[in-house]
Amino acid sequence: MSQHLPLVAAQPGIWMAEKLSDLPSAWSVAHYVELTGEVDAPLLARAVVAGLAQADTLRMRFTEDNGEVWQWVDDAQTFELPEIIDLRTNIDPHGTARALMQAGFATRSARR
């Protein structure tokens, strides 16, 4: 485990809001990108994972010890290749993308 670090100014409020919230996905964000032209999907998936692995904020973990909250970078955190969903032939690709994101939020919320 990496070194424990204190929270920065805004984080204690976010920590408390998350603990008290009835909305488990309140701090989650989803989006989709419409790509045009030829795409090497497996290469794009690997690039996404490489980008995720470089973002320390996505590997941050938090713990509470004697009423004080600490954070650290989880160096063991790995990211799986994203699922590739081709919506080019879908009758409503935008609506389907939004529905898939909502379903993902619901699944994460249920596991929480």
N, C-alpha and C. Protein backbone atom coordinates (compact mmCIF):
# COMPACT_ATOMS: atom_id res chain seq x y z
N MET A 1 0.85 -1.17 0.00
CA MET A 1 0.00 0.00 0.00
C MET A 1 0.89 1.23 0.00
N SER A 2 0.49 2.25 -0.73
CA SER A 2 1.22 3.51 -0.80
C SER A 2 1.06 4.30 0.49
N GLN A 3 1.77 5.38 0.55
CA GLN A 3 1.74 6.28 1.70
C GLN A 3 0.34 6.88 1.89
N HIS A 4 -0.12 6.91 3.15
CA HIS A 4 -1.39 7.57 3.46
C HIS A 4 -1.20 9.08 3.35
N LEU A 5 -2.14 9.73 2.70
CA LEU A 5 -2.08 11.17 2.49
C LEU A 5 -3.33 11.82 3.06
N PRO A 6 -3.21 13.05 3.58
CA PRO A 6 -4.41 13.74 4.06
C PRO A 6 -5.30 14.14 2.89
N LEU A 7 -6.57 14.36 3.16
CA LEU A 7 -7.48 14.82 2.13
C LEU A 7 -7.19 16.28 1.80
N VAL A 8 -7.49 16.67 0.57
CA VAL A 8 -7.38 18.08 0.19
C VAL A 8 -8.67 18.80 0.59
N ALA A 9 -8.70 20.11 0.49
CA ALA A 9 -9.76 20.95 1.06
C ALA A 9 -11.19 20.48 0.77
N ALA A 10 -11.51 20.13 -0.46
CA ALA A 10 -12.89 19.79 -0.81
C ALA A 10 -13.27 18.36 -0.44
N GLN A 11 -12.31 17.48 -0.27
CA GLN A 11 -12.60 16.06 -0.09
C GLN A 11 -13.36 15.70 1.18
N PRO A 12 -13.14 16.33 2.33
CA PRO A 12 -13.92 15.94 3.51
C PRO A 12 -15.43 16.14 3.31
N GLY A 13 -15.81 17.21 2.63
CA GLY A 13 -17.23 17.44 2.36
C GLY A 13 -17.80 16.39 1.43
N ILE A 14 -17.03 16.01 0.42
CA ILE A 14 -17.47 14.97 -0.51
C ILE A 14 -17.57 13.63 0.23
N TRP A 15 -16.60 13.33 1.08
CA TRP A 15 -16.61 12.09 1.87
C TRP A 15 -17.88 12.00 2.70
N MET A 16 -18.20 13.08 3.41
CA MET A 16 -19.37 13.08 4.27
C MET A 16 -20.66 13.00 3.44
N ALA A 17 -20.72 13.73 2.34
CA ALA A 17 -21.91 13.69 1.48
C ALA A 17 -22.13 12.28 0.94
N GLU A 18 -21.06 11.61 0.56
CA GLU A 18 -21.16 10.25 0.04
C GLU A 18 -21.66 9.29 1.12
N LYS A 19 -21.16 9.45 2.33
CA LYS A 19 -21.59 8.58 3.43
C LYS A 19 -23.07 8.76 3.75
N LEU A 20 -23.57 9.99 3.62
CA LEU A 20 -24.95 10.29 3.98
C LEU A 20 -25.94 10.15 2.82
N SER A 21 -25.43 10.03 1.61
CA SER A 21 -26.28 10.06 0.42
C SER A 21 -27.11 8.79 0.25
N ASP A 22 -28.33 8.98 -0.21
CA ASP A 22 -29.17 7.86 -0.63
C ASP A 22 -29.00 7.59 -2.12
N LEU A 23 -28.18 8.38 -2.78
CA LEU A 23 -27.95 8.27 -4.22
C LEU A 23 -26.55 7.72 -4.45
N PRO A 24 -26.41 6.40 -4.57
CA PRO A 24 -25.09 5.79 -4.64
C PRO A 24 -24.27 6.16 -5.87
N SER A 25 -24.89 6.68 -6.90
CA SER A 25 -24.13 7.06 -8.10
C SER A 25 -24.01 8.57 -8.24
N ALA A 26 -24.25 9.30 -7.17
CA ALA A 26 -24.27 10.76 -7.24
C ALA A 26 -22.96 11.34 -7.76
N TRP A 27 -21.85 10.70 -7.51
CA TRP A 27 -20.56 11.23 -7.93
C TRP A 27 -20.03 10.55 -9.19
N SER A 28 -20.84 9.71 -9.79
CA SER A 28 -20.43 9.00 -11.00
C SER A 28 -20.81 9.81 -12.24
N VAL A 29 -19.99 9.68 -13.25
CA VAL A 29 -20.22 10.38 -14.51
C VAL A 29 -20.08 9.36 -15.63
N ALA A 30 -20.97 9.44 -16.60
CA ALA A 30 -20.87 8.56 -17.76
C ALA A 30 -21.03 9.40 -19.02
N HIS A 31 -20.42 8.94 -20.07
CA HIS A 31 -20.59 9.60 -21.35
C HIS A 31 -20.24 8.60 -22.45
N TYR A 32 -20.61 8.97 -23.64
CA TYR A 32 -20.23 8.15 -24.78
C TYR A 32 -19.61 9.07 -25.82
N VAL A 33 -18.86 8.48 -26.72
CA VAL A 33 -18.22 9.22 -27.79
C VAL A 33 -18.63 8.56 -29.09
N GLU A 34 -19.06 9.38 -30.03
CA GLU A 34 -19.41 8.86 -31.34
C GLU A 34 -18.16 8.94 -32.22
N LEU A 35 -17.70 7.79 -32.68
CA LEU A 35 -16.51 7.72 -33.52
C LEU A 35 -16.94 7.51 -34.96
N THR A 36 -16.29 8.19 -35.88
CA THR A 36 -16.58 8.01 -37.30
C THR A 36 -15.33 7.48 -37.98
N GLY A 37 -15.52 6.82 -39.09
CA GLY A 37 -14.39 6.26 -39.80
C GLY A 37 -14.02 4.89 -39.25
N GLU A 38 -12.96 4.34 -39.78
CA GLU A 38 -12.50 3.03 -39.35
C GLU A 38 -11.85 3.13 -37.97
N VAL A 39 -12.20 2.20 -37.11
CA VAL A 39 -11.66 2.18 -35.75
C VAL A 39 -11.11 0.78 -35.47
N ASP A 40 -9.89 0.73 -34.98
CA ASP A 40 -9.31 -0.53 -34.52
C ASP A 40 -9.76 -0.68 -33.07
N ALA A 41 -10.91 -1.33 -32.87
CA ALA A 41 -11.53 -1.40 -31.54
C ALA A 41 -10.63 -2.03 -30.48
N PRO A 42 -9.96 -3.15 -30.75
CA PRO A 42 -9.08 -3.71 -29.73
C PRO A 42 -7.93 -2.76 -29.34
N LEU A 43 -7.38 -2.05 -30.32
CA LEU A 43 -6.32 -1.09 -30.03
C LEU A 43 -6.87 0.08 -29.19
N LEU A 44 -8.06 0.55 -29.53
CA LEU A 44 -8.69 1.62 -28.76
C LEU A 44 -8.94 1.17 -27.32
N ALA A 45 -9.40 -0.07 -27.15
CA ALA A 45 -9.66 -0.60 -25.80
C ALA A 45 -8.37 -0.63 -24.98
N ARG A 46 -7.27 -1.05 -25.60
CA ARG A 46 -5.99 -1.07 -24.88
C ARG A 46 -5.53 0.34 -24.53
N ALA A 47 -5.77 1.30 -25.42
CA ALA A 47 -5.41 2.70 -25.15
C ALA A 47 -6.22 3.26 -23.99
N VAL A 48 -7.49 2.89 -23.92
CA VAL A 48 -8.34 3.33 -22.80
C VAL A 48 -7.78 2.80 -21.49
N VAL A 49 -7.43 1.53 -21.44
CA VAL A 49 -6.87 0.93 -20.22
C VAL A 49 -5.56 1.61 -19.84
N ALA A 50 -4.71 1.89 -20.83
CA ALA A 50 -3.44 2.57 -20.54
C ALA A 50 -3.70 3.95 -19.94
N GLY A 51 -4.68 4.67 -20.47
CA GLY A 51 -5.02 5.98 -19.92
C GLY A 51 -5.56 5.89 -18.51
N LEU A 52 -6.42 4.92 -18.26
CA LEU A 52 -6.97 4.73 -16.92
C LEU A 52 -5.86 4.43 -15.91
N ALA A 53 -4.92 3.59 -16.31
CA ALA A 53 -3.83 3.19 -15.40
C ALA A 53 -2.94 4.38 -15.04
N GLN A 54 -2.87 5.39 -15.89
CA GLN A 54 -2.02 6.55 -15.62
C GLN A 54 -2.71 7.59 -14.75
N ALA A 55 -4.01 7.47 -14.53
CA ALA A 55 -4.75 8.46 -13.76
C ALA A 55 -4.80 8.04 -12.29
N ASP A 56 -3.93 8.64 -11.48
CA ASP A 56 -3.89 8.30 -10.05
C ASP A 56 -5.24 8.45 -9.38
N THR A 57 -6.01 9.44 -9.80
CA THR A 57 -7.30 9.68 -9.14
C THR A 57 -8.25 8.50 -9.27
N LEU A 58 -8.08 7.68 -10.29
CA LEU A 58 -8.94 6.50 -10.46
C LEU A 58 -8.47 5.32 -9.62
N ARG A 59 -7.29 5.45 -9.01
CA ARG A 59 -6.76 4.39 -8.17
C ARG A 59 -6.69 4.81 -6.70
N MET A 60 -7.32 5.93 -6.38
CA MET A 60 -7.31 6.41 -4.99
C MET A 60 -8.24 5.55 -4.14
N ARG A 61 -7.80 5.28 -2.94
CA ARG A 61 -8.61 4.55 -1.96
C ARG A 61 -8.66 5.41 -0.71
N PHE A 62 -9.72 5.23 0.06
CA PHE A 62 -9.94 6.06 1.25
C PHE A 62 -10.23 5.16 2.44
N THR A 63 -9.77 5.58 3.60
CA THR A 63 -10.04 4.84 4.82
C THR A 63 -10.24 5.84 5.96
N GLU A 64 -11.02 5.42 6.92
CA GLU A 64 -11.26 6.25 8.09
C GLU A 64 -10.60 5.57 9.29
N ASP A 65 -9.78 6.32 10.00
CA ASP A 65 -9.06 5.78 11.15
C ASP A 65 -9.18 6.78 12.30
N ASN A 66 -9.85 6.35 13.38
CA ASN A 66 -10.06 7.22 14.54
C ASN A 66 -10.69 8.56 14.16
N GLY A 67 -11.68 8.50 13.26
CA GLY A 67 -12.40 9.70 12.86
C GLY A 67 -11.71 10.56 11.83
N GLU A 68 -10.52 10.15 11.39
CA GLU A 68 -9.80 10.92 10.37
C GLU A 68 -9.76 10.11 9.08
N VAL A 69 -10.03 10.78 7.96
CA VAL A 69 -10.06 10.11 6.67
C VAL A 69 -8.71 10.32 5.97
N TRP A 70 -8.19 9.24 5.42
CA TRP A 70 -6.92 9.26 4.70
C TRP A 70 -7.14 8.70 3.31
N GLN A 71 -6.24 9.04 2.42
CA GLN A 71 -6.29 8.51 1.05
C GLN A 71 -4.92 7.96 0.67
N TRP A 72 -4.92 7.05 -0.29
CA TRP A 72 -3.67 6.52 -0.82
C TRP A 72 -3.93 6.00 -2.23
N VAL A 73 -2.86 5.90 -3.00
CA VAL A 73 -2.94 5.36 -4.35
C VAL A 73 -2.79 3.85 -4.26
N ASP A 74 -3.76 3.13 -4.79
CA ASP A 74 -3.73 1.67 -4.79
C ASP A 74 -2.91 1.21 -6.00
N ASP A 75 -1.64 0.94 -5.77
CA ASP A 75 -0.74 0.55 -6.86
C ASP A 75 -1.09 -0.82 -7.44
N ALA A 76 -1.89 -1.61 -6.74
CA ALA A 76 -2.28 -2.93 -7.23
C ALA A 76 -3.52 -2.87 -8.12
N GLN A 77 -4.18 -1.72 -8.19
CA GLN A 77 -5.40 -1.58 -8.98
C GLN A 77 -5.10 -1.79 -10.46
N THR A 78 -5.85 -2.65 -11.08
CA THR A 78 -5.73 -2.86 -12.52
C THR A 78 -7.09 -2.59 -13.16
N PHE A 79 -7.10 -2.41 -14.45
CA PHE A 79 -8.33 -2.13 -15.18
C PHE A 79 -8.50 -3.17 -16.28
N GLU A 80 -9.72 -3.66 -16.40
CA GLU A 80 -10.03 -4.63 -17.44
C GLU A 80 -10.29 -3.92 -18.76
N LEU A 81 -10.07 -4.63 -19.84
CA LEU A 81 -10.41 -4.08 -21.14
C LEU A 81 -11.90 -3.78 -21.17
N PRO A 82 -12.29 -2.62 -21.70
CA PRO A 82 -13.72 -2.31 -21.75
C PRO A 82 -14.43 -3.19 -22.77
N GLU A 83 -15.70 -3.40 -22.49
CA GLU A 83 -16.53 -4.13 -23.44
C GLU A 83 -16.73 -3.26 -24.68
N ILE A 84 -16.60 -3.86 -25.83
CA ILE A 84 -16.80 -3.13 -27.09
C ILE A 84 -18.21 -3.41 -27.57
N ILE A 85 -19.00 -2.36 -27.69
CA ILE A 85 -20.38 -2.48 -28.14
C ILE A 85 -20.53 -1.64 -29.40
N ASP A 86 -20.75 -2.30 -30.51
CA ASP A 86 -20.88 -1.63 -31.80
C ASP A 86 -22.35 -1.32 -32.05
N LEU A 87 -22.70 -0.06 -32.05
CA LEU A 87 -24.10 0.35 -32.23
C LEU A 87 -24.36 0.92 -33.62
N ARG A 88 -23.46 0.68 -34.56
CA ARG A 88 -23.61 1.26 -35.91
C ARG A 88 -24.90 0.85 -36.59
N THR A 89 -25.35 -0.37 -36.36
CA THR A 89 -26.56 -0.83 -37.05
C THR A 89 -27.80 -0.73 -36.17
N ASN A 90 -27.66 -0.19 -34.99
CA ASN A 90 -28.79 -0.03 -34.07
C ASN A 90 -29.71 1.07 -34.58
N ILE A 91 -31.02 0.86 -34.46
CA ILE A 91 -31.99 1.85 -34.95
C ILE A 91 -31.90 3.16 -34.17
N ASP A 92 -31.52 3.11 -32.89
CA ASP A 92 -31.39 4.31 -32.05
C ASP A 92 -30.09 4.22 -31.26
N PRO A 93 -28.95 4.45 -31.92
CA PRO A 93 -27.68 4.27 -31.21
C PRO A 93 -27.51 5.20 -30.01
N HIS A 94 -27.96 6.45 -30.11
CA HIS A 94 -27.82 7.38 -28.99
C HIS A 94 -28.68 6.94 -27.81
N GLY A 95 -29.92 6.57 -28.08
CA GLY A 95 -30.81 6.11 -27.01
C GLY A 95 -30.31 4.83 -26.38
N THR A 96 -29.79 3.94 -27.20
CA THR A 96 -29.26 2.68 -26.69
C THR A 96 -28.02 2.92 -25.83
N ALA A 97 -27.16 3.83 -26.26
CA ALA A 97 -25.96 4.16 -25.46
C ALA A 97 -26.38 4.72 -24.11
N ARG A 98 -27.35 5.61 -24.09
CA ARG A 98 -27.82 6.18 -22.82
C ARG A 98 -28.43 5.09 -21.93
N ALA A 99 -29.21 4.19 -22.52
CA ALA A 99 -29.82 3.10 -21.75
C ALA A 99 -28.76 2.18 -21.16
N LEU A 100 -27.71 1.89 -21.92
CA LEU A 100 -26.62 1.05 -21.42
C LEU A 100 -25.90 1.71 -20.25
N MET A 101 -25.69 3.02 -20.34
CA MET A 101 -25.04 3.73 -19.24
C MET A 101 -25.92 3.71 -17.99
N GLN A 102 -27.22 3.93 -18.16
CA GLN A 102 -28.15 3.89 -17.02
C GLN A 102 -28.15 2.50 -16.38
N ALA A 103 -28.14 1.46 -17.20
CA ALA A 103 -28.12 0.10 -16.68
C ALA A 103 -26.82 -0.15 -15.89
N GLY A 104 -25.71 0.40 -16.37
CA GLY A 104 -24.44 0.26 -15.66
C GLY A 104 -24.49 0.94 -14.31
N PHE A 105 -25.09 2.12 -14.24
CA PHE A 105 -25.25 2.81 -12.96
C PHE A 105 -26.11 1.99 -12.01
N ALA A 106 -27.20 1.44 -12.52
CA ALA A 106 -28.10 0.65 -11.68
C ALA A 106 -27.39 -0.58 -11.12
N THR A 107 -26.58 -1.23 -11.94
CA THR A 107 -25.85 -2.41 -11.50
C THR A 107 -24.86 -2.06 -10.41
N ARG A 108 -24.10 -0.97 -10.60
CA ARG A 108 -23.13 -0.55 -9.58
C ARG A 108 -23.84 -0.14 -8.30
N SER A 109 -24.99 0.52 -8.43
CA SER A 109 -25.74 0.95 -7.25
C SER A 109 -26.23 -0.25 -6.45
N ALA A 110 -26.67 -1.29 -7.14
CA ALA A 110 -27.18 -2.48 -6.47
C ALA A 110 -26.07 -3.22 -5.73
N ARG A 111 -24.84 -3.17 -6.24
CA ARG A 111 -23.71 -3.85 -5.60
C ARG A 111 -23.19 -3.09 -4.40
N ARG A 112 -23.54 -1.86 -4.29
CA ARG A 112 -23.00 -1.00 -3.24
C ARG A 112 -23.49 -1.33 -1.91
